[in-house]
Amino acid sequence: MGFCCNGFGWGGWGAWGSLGTVGLILNVVFFVGLLAVLGLGAAWLIRQLGRRPAAPQAGVDPIEIARRRLAAGEITTAEFGEIRDRLQS
């Protein structure tokens, strides 16, 4: 045996060692909380690294876009005619 505290050094089982079962529970809660924070941080980092900007759609016909805008009422038939004439020239 050692000089103090059943041979486990000067402080016994650590800072909360003198609290007995409560100290053990606090140690476990602290450790689980630390693991949770590290896990959430890793998940956040993986999500941030996995995000990529959306690539523009390749092969979309500009006339088709103009038709959709005309059908939705975003442009008039005169504007559609101008767009069509510019794209065909």
Protein backbone atom coordinates (compact mmCIF):
# COMPACT_ATOMS: atom_id res chain seq x y z
CA MET A 1 0.00 0.00 0.00
CA GLY A 2 1.04 3.56 -0.54
CA PHE A 3 1.26 6.57 1.63
CA CYS A 4 -2.33 7.67 1.11
CA CYS A 5 -5.65 6.62 -0.29
CA ASN A 6 -5.28 2.84 -0.57
CA GLY A 7 -2.14 2.98 -2.69
CA PHE A 8 -3.59 4.90 -5.61
CA GLY A 9 -1.34 7.93 -5.27
CA TRP A 10 -1.77 11.25 -3.55
CA GLY A 11 -5.19 12.06 -4.96
CA GLY A 12 -6.84 8.68 -4.85
CA TRP A 13 -9.01 8.15 -7.97
CA GLY A 14 -8.62 11.70 -9.24
CA ALA A 15 -10.29 14.99 -8.47
CA TRP A 16 -13.72 13.39 -8.01
CA GLY A 17 -12.39 10.30 -6.30
CA SER A 18 -13.36 11.45 -2.86
CA LEU A 19 -17.00 11.70 -3.95
CA GLY A 20 -17.31 7.92 -4.26
CA THR A 21 -20.11 6.73 -6.55
CA VAL A 22 -21.07 10.29 -7.48
CA GLY A 23 -17.51 10.87 -8.69
CA LEU A 24 -17.67 7.74 -10.84
CA ILE A 25 -20.98 8.84 -12.35
CA LEU A 26 -19.60 12.32 -13.05
CA ASN A 27 -16.57 10.81 -14.75
CA VAL A 28 -18.76 8.62 -16.97
CA VAL A 29 -21.09 11.53 -17.82
CA PHE A 30 -18.12 13.72 -18.70
CA PHE A 31 -16.59 11.02 -20.91
CA VAL A 32 -19.87 10.29 -22.71
CA GLY A 33 -20.42 14.03 -23.24
CA LEU A 34 -16.94 14.40 -24.65
CA LEU A 35 -17.53 11.52 -27.04
CA ALA A 36 -20.86 13.05 -28.13
CA VAL A 37 -19.26 16.42 -28.84
CA LEU A 38 -16.46 14.80 -30.82
CA GLY A 39 -18.95 12.68 -32.79
CA LEU A 40 -21.17 15.64 -33.63
CA GLY A 41 -18.13 17.66 -34.67
CA ALA A 42 -16.94 14.88 -36.96
CA ALA A 43 -20.40 14.51 -38.51
CA TRP A 44 -20.60 18.26 -39.14
CA LEU A 45 -17.14 18.28 -40.73
CA ILE A 46 -17.98 15.35 -43.01
CA ARG A 47 -21.18 17.10 -44.15
CA GLN A 48 -19.31 20.33 -44.86
CA LEU A 49 -16.65 18.55 -46.88
CA GLY A 50 -19.27 16.57 -48.79
CA ARG A 51 -21.14 19.61 -50.05
CA ARG A 52 -20.42 20.61 -53.60
CA PRO A 53 -21.90 23.46 -55.57
CA ALA A 54 -24.64 22.43 -57.97
CA ALA A 55 -23.36 22.09 -61.51
CA PRO A 56 -25.34 23.79 -64.25
CA GLN A 57 -27.47 21.47 -66.28
CA ALA A 58 -25.73 20.50 -69.48
CA GLY A 59 -27.66 20.02 -72.69
CA VAL A 60 -30.71 22.12 -71.77
CA ASP A 61 -32.23 23.73 -74.86
CA PRO A 62 -32.54 27.53 -74.46
CA ILE A 63 -35.67 27.57 -76.65
CA GLU A 64 -37.27 25.06 -74.26
CA ILE A 65 -36.42 27.33 -71.32
CA ALA A 66 -38.05 30.25 -73.13
CA ARG A 67 -41.14 28.12 -73.83
CA ARG A 68 -41.42 27.22 -70.16
CA ARG A 69 -41.09 30.87 -69.15
CA LEU A 70 -43.79 31.80 -71.68
CA ALA A 71 -46.07 29.08 -70.34
CA ALA A 72 -45.48 30.25 -66.77
CA GLY A 73 -46.31 33.83 -67.73
CA GLU A 74 -42.84 35.16 -66.98
CA ILE A 75 -42.41 36.60 -70.49
CA THR A 76 -44.79 37.81 -73.17
CA THR A 77 -45.19 36.33 -76.66
CA ALA A 78 -43.31 39.31 -78.11
CA GLU A 79 -40.38 38.69 -75.76
CA PHE A 80 -40.49 34.98 -76.65
CA GLY A 81 -40.32 35.87 -80.36
CA GLU A 82 -37.28 38.11 -79.75
CA ILE A 83 -35.53 35.38 -77.77
CA ARG A 84 -36.29 32.78 -80.45
CA ASP A 85 -35.02 35.08 -83.24
CA ARG A 86 -31.77 35.80 -81.36
CA LEU A 87 -31.14 32.13 -80.64
CA GLN A 88 -31.81 31.00 -84.22
CA SER A 89 -29.51 33.57 -85.78
